[in-house]
Amino acid sequence: MTQIVTLENVLELAKQLSLVDKVNLIAQVTPEIQRELTAVKTKPRQSLRGLWRGANISDRDIAEVRQEMWANFPSSSYSFSSGTNTH
């Protein structure tokens, strides 16, 4: 019967190694990880330039929404001193 290798199993075994063997383990695993990372094709990021173009949001719109958001802050239903709230 083959045992499934898990991170927990590997970490438990690694903890049993001497300091020198831990360093050697890292030295042997690092190049392999680097090769795997460079082989992974990363998806190019989409530019956010122009994301809000045409949205027509004014300074006044932002001020109104900000006022609405902060109108009830801090709410009296929250008790910051005891760490509990009544919601």
N, C-alpha and C. Protein backbone atom coordinates (compact mmCIF):
# COMPACT_ATOMS: atom_id res chain seq x y z
N MET A 1 0.83 -1.18 0.00
CA MET A 1 0.00 0.00 0.00
C MET A 1 0.88 1.24 0.00
N THR A 2 0.59 2.19 -0.87
CA THR A 2 1.38 3.41 -1.00
C THR A 2 0.81 4.50 -0.11
N GLN A 3 1.70 5.14 0.64
CA GLN A 3 1.27 6.22 1.52
C GLN A 3 1.21 7.51 0.74
N ILE A 4 0.15 8.30 0.94
CA ILE A 4 0.00 9.59 0.28
C ILE A 4 0.91 10.59 0.99
N VAL A 5 1.70 11.32 0.20
CA VAL A 5 2.61 12.31 0.76
C VAL A 5 1.86 13.62 0.93
N THR A 6 1.87 14.13 2.14
CA THR A 6 1.23 15.42 2.42
C THR A 6 2.26 16.39 2.95
N LEU A 7 1.91 17.64 2.93
CA LEU A 7 2.81 18.66 3.47
C LEU A 7 3.11 18.39 4.94
N GLU A 8 2.08 17.99 5.68
CA GLU A 8 2.27 17.70 7.10
C GLU A 8 3.29 16.57 7.31
N ASN A 9 3.20 15.52 6.47
CA ASN A 9 4.15 14.41 6.57
C ASN A 9 5.58 14.90 6.30
N VAL A 10 5.73 15.67 5.27
CA VAL A 10 7.06 16.16 4.88
C VAL A 10 7.62 17.07 5.98
N LEU A 11 6.79 17.96 6.50
CA LEU A 11 7.26 18.86 7.56
C LEU A 11 7.68 18.08 8.81
N GLU A 12 6.91 17.07 9.16
CA GLU A 12 7.24 16.26 10.33
C GLU A 12 8.58 15.56 10.14
N LEU A 13 8.81 15.03 8.93
CA LEU A 13 10.10 14.38 8.65
C LEU A 13 11.23 15.40 8.64
N ALA A 14 10.98 16.59 8.06
CA ALA A 14 12.02 17.61 7.98
C ALA A 14 12.44 18.07 9.38
N LYS A 15 11.50 18.12 10.30
CA LYS A 15 11.82 18.53 11.67
C LYS A 15 12.79 17.55 12.34
N GLN A 16 12.81 16.32 11.88
CA GLN A 16 13.68 15.30 12.47
C GLN A 16 15.10 15.36 11.92
N LEU A 17 15.31 16.13 10.86
CA LEU A 17 16.64 16.24 10.26
C LEU A 17 17.55 17.10 11.11
N SER A 18 18.85 16.87 10.97
CA SER A 18 19.82 17.74 11.62
C SER A 18 19.82 19.08 10.89
N LEU A 19 20.40 20.08 11.52
CA LEU A 19 20.46 21.41 10.92
C LEU A 19 21.16 21.37 9.56
N VAL A 20 22.25 20.63 9.48
CA VAL A 20 23.00 20.52 8.22
C VAL A 20 22.14 19.87 7.15
N ASP A 21 21.41 18.82 7.50
CA ASP A 21 20.55 18.16 6.53
C ASP A 21 19.38 19.06 6.10
N LYS A 22 18.87 19.89 7.02
CA LYS A 22 17.81 20.84 6.65
C LYS A 22 18.32 21.83 5.61
N VAL A 23 19.55 22.32 5.84
CA VAL A 23 20.15 23.26 4.89
C VAL A 23 20.36 22.58 3.54
N ASN A 24 20.84 21.33 3.55
CA ASN A 24 21.03 20.58 2.30
C ASN A 24 19.71 20.33 1.59
N LEU A 25 18.67 20.05 2.35
CA LEU A 25 17.35 19.86 1.76
C LEU A 25 16.90 21.12 1.03
N ILE A 26 17.04 22.25 1.69
CA ILE A 26 16.66 23.52 1.06
C ILE A 26 17.50 23.76 -0.19
N ALA A 27 18.79 23.51 -0.11
CA ALA A 27 19.69 23.73 -1.25
C ALA A 27 19.31 22.84 -2.43
N GLN A 28 18.82 21.64 -2.17
CA GLN A 28 18.46 20.74 -3.26
C GLN A 28 17.08 21.04 -3.83
N VAL A 29 16.17 21.50 -2.99
CA VAL A 29 14.80 21.74 -3.44
C VAL A 29 14.67 23.10 -4.14
N THR A 30 15.44 24.08 -3.72
CA THR A 30 15.32 25.44 -4.25
C THR A 30 15.47 25.52 -5.78
N PRO A 31 16.50 24.91 -6.38
CA PRO A 31 16.62 25.01 -7.85
C PRO A 31 15.42 24.39 -8.58
N GLU A 32 14.88 23.31 -8.03
CA GLU A 32 13.73 22.68 -8.65
C GLU A 32 12.50 23.60 -8.60
N ILE A 33 12.33 24.25 -7.47
CA ILE A 33 11.21 25.19 -7.33
C ILE A 33 11.39 26.36 -8.30
N GLN A 34 12.61 26.85 -8.41
CA GLN A 34 12.89 27.97 -9.33
C GLN A 34 12.58 27.57 -10.76
N ARG A 35 12.96 26.35 -11.16
CA ARG A 35 12.66 25.87 -12.52
C ARG A 35 11.15 25.80 -12.75
N GLU A 36 10.43 25.28 -11.77
CA GLU A 36 8.98 25.17 -11.90
C GLU A 36 8.32 26.54 -12.00
N LEU A 37 8.81 27.49 -11.21
CA LEU A 37 8.23 28.84 -11.24
C LEU A 37 8.48 29.54 -12.56
N THR A 38 9.67 29.35 -13.13
CA THR A 38 9.96 30.00 -14.40
C THR A 38 9.22 29.33 -15.54
N ALA A 39 8.85 28.06 -15.37
CA ALA A 39 8.13 27.35 -16.43
C ALA A 39 6.65 27.72 -16.47
N VAL A 40 6.15 28.26 -15.37
CA VAL A 40 4.73 28.62 -15.31
C VAL A 40 4.50 29.86 -16.17
N LYS A 41 3.54 29.76 -17.07
CA LYS A 41 3.20 30.89 -17.92
C LYS A 41 2.21 31.77 -17.15
N THR A 42 2.62 33.00 -16.89
CA THR A 42 1.72 33.91 -16.20
C THR A 42 0.85 34.65 -17.21
N LYS A 43 -0.38 34.85 -16.84
CA LYS A 43 -1.32 35.55 -17.70
C LYS A 43 -1.02 37.04 -17.62
N PRO A 44 -0.87 37.71 -18.75
CA PRO A 44 -0.58 39.14 -18.69
C PRO A 44 -1.73 39.91 -18.02
N ARG A 45 -1.37 40.89 -17.25
CA ARG A 45 -2.37 41.68 -16.54
C ARG A 45 -3.06 42.64 -17.50
N GLN A 46 -4.34 42.80 -17.27
CA GLN A 46 -5.12 43.73 -18.08
C GLN A 46 -4.89 45.14 -17.56
N SER A 47 -4.66 46.06 -18.46
CA SER A 47 -4.44 47.44 -18.08
C SER A 47 -5.72 48.05 -17.53
N LEU A 48 -5.58 48.82 -16.48
CA LEU A 48 -6.73 49.51 -15.90
C LEU A 48 -6.85 50.94 -16.42
N ARG A 49 -5.95 51.30 -17.32
CA ARG A 49 -5.98 52.64 -17.89
C ARG A 49 -7.31 52.84 -18.61
N GLY A 50 -7.98 53.91 -18.29
CA GLY A 50 -9.25 54.23 -18.94
C GLY A 50 -10.44 53.48 -18.38
N LEU A 51 -10.27 52.80 -17.27
CA LEU A 51 -11.34 51.99 -16.70
C LEU A 51 -12.58 52.84 -16.40
N TRP A 52 -12.37 54.05 -15.89
CA TRP A 52 -13.50 54.91 -15.51
C TRP A 52 -13.84 55.94 -16.59
N ARG A 53 -13.23 55.83 -17.75
CA ARG A 53 -13.50 56.77 -18.83
C ARG A 53 -15.00 56.74 -19.17
N GLY A 54 -15.62 57.89 -19.22
CA GLY A 54 -17.02 57.98 -19.57
C GLY A 54 -17.96 57.77 -18.39
N ALA A 55 -17.43 57.53 -17.21
CA ALA A 55 -18.29 57.28 -16.04
C ALA A 55 -18.95 58.56 -15.55
N ASN A 56 -18.32 59.70 -15.82
CA ASN A 56 -18.91 61.00 -15.48
C ASN A 56 -19.22 61.13 -13.99
N ILE A 57 -18.27 60.80 -13.15
CA ILE A 57 -18.43 60.93 -11.70
C ILE A 57 -17.80 62.25 -11.28
N SER A 58 -18.60 63.09 -10.62
CA SER A 58 -18.10 64.41 -10.23
C SER A 58 -17.59 64.39 -8.79
N ASP A 59 -16.87 65.44 -8.43
CA ASP A 59 -16.40 65.59 -7.05
C ASP A 59 -17.60 65.65 -6.10
N ARG A 60 -18.67 66.26 -6.55
CA ARG A 60 -19.87 66.37 -5.73
C ARG A 60 -20.48 64.98 -5.48
N ASP A 61 -20.51 64.14 -6.54
CA ASP A 61 -21.02 62.77 -6.38
C ASP A 61 -20.23 62.02 -5.32
N ILE A 62 -18.93 62.14 -5.38
CA ILE A 62 -18.05 61.45 -4.41
C ILE A 62 -18.31 61.98 -3.01
N ALA A 63 -18.43 63.29 -2.86
CA ALA A 63 -18.67 63.90 -1.55
C ALA A 63 -20.00 63.43 -0.97
N GLU A 64 -21.04 63.32 -1.81
CA GLU A 64 -22.35 62.87 -1.33
C GLU A 64 -22.30 61.43 -0.85
N VAL A 65 -21.67 60.57 -1.62
CA VAL A 65 -21.57 59.16 -1.23
C VAL A 65 -20.74 59.01 0.03
N ARG A 66 -19.66 59.75 0.12
CA ARG A 66 -18.81 59.71 1.31
C ARG A 66 -19.61 60.13 2.55
N GLN A 67 -20.42 61.19 2.40
CA GLN A 67 -21.23 61.65 3.52
C GLN A 67 -22.23 60.59 3.95
N GLU A 68 -22.84 59.91 2.98
CA GLU A 68 -23.79 58.84 3.30
C GLU A 68 -23.10 57.69 4.02
N MET A 69 -21.91 57.34 3.54
CA MET A 69 -21.18 56.21 4.13
C MET A 69 -20.81 56.48 5.59
N TRP A 70 -20.40 57.70 5.88
CA TRP A 70 -19.89 58.02 7.21
C TRP A 70 -20.96 58.64 8.11
N ALA A 71 -22.20 58.75 7.65
CA ALA A 71 -23.24 59.43 8.41
C ALA A 71 -23.49 58.80 9.77
N ASN A 72 -23.45 57.50 9.87
CA ASN A 72 -23.75 56.81 11.14
C ASN A 72 -22.52 56.19 11.78
N PHE A 73 -21.37 56.72 11.49
CA PHE A 73 -20.15 56.15 12.06
C PHE A 73 -19.62 57.04 13.16
N PRO A 74 -19.21 56.58 14.28
CA PRO A 74 -19.45 55.21 14.74
C PRO A 74 -20.89 55.07 15.23
N SER A 75 -21.43 53.95 14.93
CA SER A 75 -22.81 53.68 15.31
C SER A 75 -22.88 53.45 16.81
N SER A 76 -23.93 53.94 17.43
CA SER A 76 -24.07 53.77 18.87
C SER A 76 -24.36 52.32 19.25
N SER A 77 -24.70 51.48 18.25
CA SER A 77 -24.99 50.08 18.55
C SER A 77 -23.72 49.25 18.72
N TYR A 78 -22.57 49.84 18.45
CA TYR A 78 -21.31 49.13 18.63
C TYR A 78 -20.63 49.62 19.90
N SER A 79 -20.12 48.68 20.65
CA SER A 79 -19.39 49.00 21.87
C SER A 79 -17.94 48.61 21.65
N PHE A 80 -17.10 49.57 21.34
CA PHE A 80 -15.70 49.27 21.03
C PHE A 80 -14.91 48.91 22.28
N SER A 81 -15.36 49.35 23.44
CA SER A 81 -14.59 49.08 24.65
C SER A 81 -14.74 47.63 25.11
N SER A 82 -15.91 47.03 24.88
CA SER A 82 -16.09 45.66 25.36
C SER A 82 -15.82 44.61 24.28
N GLY A 83 -15.69 45.06 23.03
CA GLY A 83 -15.39 44.13 21.95
C GLY A 83 -16.62 43.40 21.43
N THR A 84 -17.82 43.82 21.84
CA THR A 84 -19.03 43.18 21.35
C THR A 84 -19.91 44.20 20.66
N ASN A 85 -20.79 43.72 19.82
CA ASN A 85 -21.76 44.62 19.21
C ASN A 85 -23.14 44.03 19.41
N THR A 86 -24.14 44.88 19.18
CA THR A 86 -25.51 44.46 19.44
C THR A 86 -26.23 44.02 18.18
N HIS A 87 -25.50 43.89 17.06
CA HIS A 87 -26.13 43.44 15.81
C HIS A 87 -26.20 41.95 15.75
